[in-house]
N, C-alpha and C. Protein backbone atom coordinates (compact mmCIF):
# COMPACT_ATOMS: atom_id res chain seq x y z
N MET A 1 174.16 113.55 122.55
CA MET A 1 173.50 111.80 122.13
C MET A 1 174.06 111.23 121.32
N ASN A 2 175.39 110.82 121.88
CA ASN A 2 176.07 109.38 121.23
C ASN A 2 175.23 108.76 120.66
N ASP A 3 175.17 107.99 119.33
CA ASP A 3 175.71 107.34 118.57
C ASP A 3 173.83 106.92 118.65
N ILE A 4 173.26 108.40 117.86
CA ILE A 4 171.39 108.46 117.34
C ILE A 4 171.60 106.97 116.88
N GLY A 5 172.45 107.09 115.28
CA GLY A 5 171.93 106.14 114.55
C GLY A 5 171.46 104.69 115.61
N ILE A 6 172.40 104.02 116.51
CA ILE A 6 172.13 102.64 117.43
C ILE A 6 170.23 102.94 117.76
N HIS A 7 170.21 104.13 118.56
CA HIS A 7 169.20 104.66 118.91
C HIS A 7 167.91 104.49 118.22
N LEU A 8 168.33 104.34 117.08
CA LEU A 8 166.88 104.42 116.28
C LEU A 8 167.22 103.55 115.57
N LEU A 9 167.99 102.78 115.30
CA LEU A 9 167.59 101.45 114.76
C LEU A 9 166.76 100.73 115.84
N LEU A 10 167.77 100.35 117.09
CA LEU A 10 166.88 99.78 117.59
C LEU A 10 165.35 100.39 118.48
N PHE A 11 165.32 101.47 118.14
CA PHE A 11 163.88 101.85 118.03
C PHE A 11 162.52 101.61 116.64
N ALA A 12 163.24 101.17 115.82
CA ALA A 12 162.61 101.29 115.08
C ALA A 12 163.11 99.59 114.73
N VAL A 13 163.48 98.87 115.15
CA VAL A 13 163.12 96.83 115.77
C VAL A 13 161.85 96.77 116.80
N ILE A 14 162.46 97.46 117.51
CA ILE A 14 161.15 96.90 118.80
C ILE A 14 159.77 98.18 118.76
N GLY A 15 159.48 98.66 117.64
CA GLY A 15 158.82 99.32 117.65
C GLY A 15 157.50 98.59 116.74
N ALA A 16 159.00 97.99 115.00
CA ALA A 16 158.48 97.45 114.32
C ALA A 16 157.76 95.36 115.28
N GLY A 17 158.47 95.33 115.54
CA GLY A 17 157.93 93.47 116.68
C GLY A 17 156.33 94.77 117.52
N ILE A 18 156.61 95.46 117.85
CA ILE A 18 155.50 95.74 118.84
C ILE A 18 154.28 96.12 118.05
N MET A 19 154.34 96.83 116.23
CA MET A 19 153.33 97.17 115.59
C MET A 19 152.70 95.39 114.40
N THR A 20 153.69 94.56 115.18
CA THR A 20 153.64 93.17 114.43
C THR A 20 152.91 92.79 115.13
N MET A 21 152.75 92.62 116.39
CA MET A 21 152.47 91.58 117.30
C MET A 21 150.83 92.70 117.33
N ALA A 22 150.52 94.03 117.30
CA ALA A 22 150.16 94.16 117.94
C ALA A 22 148.45 94.21 116.43
N ALA A 23 149.12 94.42 115.38
CA ALA A 23 148.81 93.56 114.06
C ALA A 23 148.11 92.02 114.44
N PHE A 24 148.84 90.86 114.49
CA PHE A 24 148.62 89.04 114.14
C PHE A 24 146.99 89.83 115.76
N TYR A 25 147.14 90.48 117.33
CA TYR A 25 146.69 90.68 117.54
C TYR A 25 144.91 91.15 117.65
N SER A 26 145.03 91.90 116.96
CA SER A 26 143.78 93.11 116.32
C SER A 26 142.68 92.14 115.63
N GLU A 27 143.79 90.93 114.42
CA GLU A 27 142.34 90.15 113.22
C GLU A 27 142.85 89.02 113.83
N PRO A 28 141.40 88.77 113.13
CA PRO A 28 141.44 87.17 113.40
C PRO A 28 141.46 86.23 112.42
N VAL A 29 142.14 86.60 111.24
CA VAL A 29 143.01 86.39 110.09
C VAL A 29 144.64 86.78 109.89
N ASP A 30 145.48 85.63 109.49
CA ASP A 30 146.63 86.27 109.44
C ASP A 30 146.72 87.05 107.56
N SER A 31 146.00 86.84 107.63
CA SER A 31 146.52 87.67 105.73
C SER A 31 145.95 89.24 105.91
N PRO A 32 144.62 89.42 106.01
CA PRO A 32 144.80 90.97 106.55
C PRO A 32 145.55 91.07 107.23
N ALA A 33 146.27 90.71 108.62
CA ALA A 33 147.11 91.22 109.59
C ALA A 33 148.20 91.40 108.69
N LEU A 34 148.91 90.41 107.84
CA LEU A 34 150.05 90.68 107.86
C LEU A 34 149.85 92.34 106.73
N ARG A 35 148.97 92.46 105.38
CA ARG A 35 148.68 93.34 104.78
C ARG A 35 148.56 94.76 105.77
N SER A 36 148.31 95.06 106.32
CA SER A 36 148.00 95.94 107.64
C SER A 36 149.27 96.06 108.15
N ILE A 37 149.92 95.72 108.41
CA ILE A 37 151.50 96.19 109.41
C ILE A 37 151.81 96.91 108.84
N PRO A 38 152.73 97.36 106.74
CA PRO A 38 153.13 98.35 106.62
C PRO A 38 152.18 99.77 106.54
N ARG A 39 151.36 99.46 107.21
CA ARG A 39 150.44 100.81 107.02
C ARG A 39 150.68 101.25 108.60
N ARG A 40 150.69 100.70 110.07
CA ARG A 40 150.31 100.31 110.85
C ARG A 40 151.55 100.82 111.29
N LEU A 41 152.64 100.54 110.25
CA LEU A 41 154.25 101.24 111.42
C LEU A 41 154.52 102.81 110.68
N VAL A 42 153.41 102.81 109.13
CA VAL A 42 154.32 104.39 108.75
C VAL A 42 153.18 104.91 109.45
N VAL A 43 151.70 105.26 111.03
CA VAL A 43 151.32 104.92 111.65
C VAL A 43 152.02 105.74 112.60
N PHE A 44 153.00 104.93 113.01
CA PHE A 44 153.24 104.64 114.17
C PHE A 44 154.57 105.74 114.49
N ALA A 45 155.35 105.56 113.32
CA ALA A 45 156.11 106.02 112.99
C ALA A 45 156.22 107.93 112.83
N ILE A 46 154.93 108.15 111.84
CA ILE A 46 154.41 109.73 112.34
C ILE A 46 153.62 109.76 113.38
N GLY A 47 153.08 109.50 114.07
CA GLY A 47 152.57 109.37 115.85
C GLY A 47 154.12 110.18 116.67
N CYS A 48 155.05 108.98 116.91
CA CYS A 48 156.43 109.42 117.09
C CYS A 48 157.03 110.35 116.88
N GLY A 49 156.82 110.56 115.24
CA GLY A 49 158.08 111.69 114.63
C GLY A 49 156.77 113.29 115.59
N ILE A 50 155.97 113.32 115.62
CA ILE A 50 154.81 114.18 116.47
C ILE A 50 155.23 114.42 117.77
N LEU A 51 155.25 113.51 118.39
CA LEU A 51 154.54 113.32 119.34
C LEU A 51 156.70 114.68 119.78
N ALA A 52 157.45 113.68 119.15
CA ALA A 52 158.50 114.35 119.51
C ALA A 52 159.00 116.13 119.04
N ALA A 53 158.19 116.24 118.63
CA ALA A 53 158.47 117.37 117.83
C ALA A 53 157.86 118.26 118.99
N LEU A 54 156.75 117.60 119.29
CA LEU A 54 155.82 118.30 120.10
C LEU A 54 156.73 118.68 121.88
N MET A 55 157.56 117.54 122.02
CA MET A 55 158.63 117.82 123.09
C MET A 55 159.66 118.13 123.03
N ILE A 56 160.03 118.21 121.75
CA ILE A 56 160.99 119.77 121.30
C ILE A 56 160.59 120.98 121.59
N LEU A 57 159.62 121.56 120.91
CA LEU A 57 159.65 122.60 120.85
C LEU A 57 158.90 122.78 122.68
N ALA A 58 158.11 121.69 123.55
CA ALA A 58 158.36 122.24 124.72
C ALA A 58 158.85 122.92 125.80
N GLU A 59 159.99 121.62 124.88
CA GLU A 59 161.58 122.19 125.65
C GLU A 59 162.39 123.45 125.66
N TYR A 60 161.81 123.88 124.22
CA TYR A 60 161.98 125.20 123.79
C TYR A 60 161.45 126.92 124.28
N THR A 61 160.56 125.89 124.34
CA THR A 61 159.01 127.55 124.78
C THR A 61 159.00 126.83 126.30
N VAL A 62 158.81 126.00 126.24
CA VAL A 62 158.64 126.32 128.44
C VAL A 62 159.22 125.76 129.51
N ALA A 63 160.51 125.00 128.59
CA ALA A 63 160.66 124.41 129.59
C ALA A 63 162.06 124.77 129.96
N SER A 64 162.64 125.63 128.68
CA SER A 64 163.98 126.28 128.74
C SER A 64 164.39 127.01 129.93
N VAL A 65 165.65 126.93 130.26
CA VAL A 65 166.08 127.84 131.09
C VAL A 65 167.41 129.38 131.21
N ASN A 66 166.51 129.89 131.31
CA ASN A 66 168.56 130.91 130.99
C ASN A 66 168.89 131.50 132.29
């Protein structure tokens, strides 16, 4: 896992762009969309963290090869 910090930074930048675009496409008015971006980013980050934890758990339990 080389350069984990750079990978996490790039993931955060791309994720923020995706969540920002999703906010503006889902709301017809810009001001509610701007207010919803921080909440969307937190939910996205928590969801990705849970998914990563489940994948690591599955790797250690189901997919481990001795």
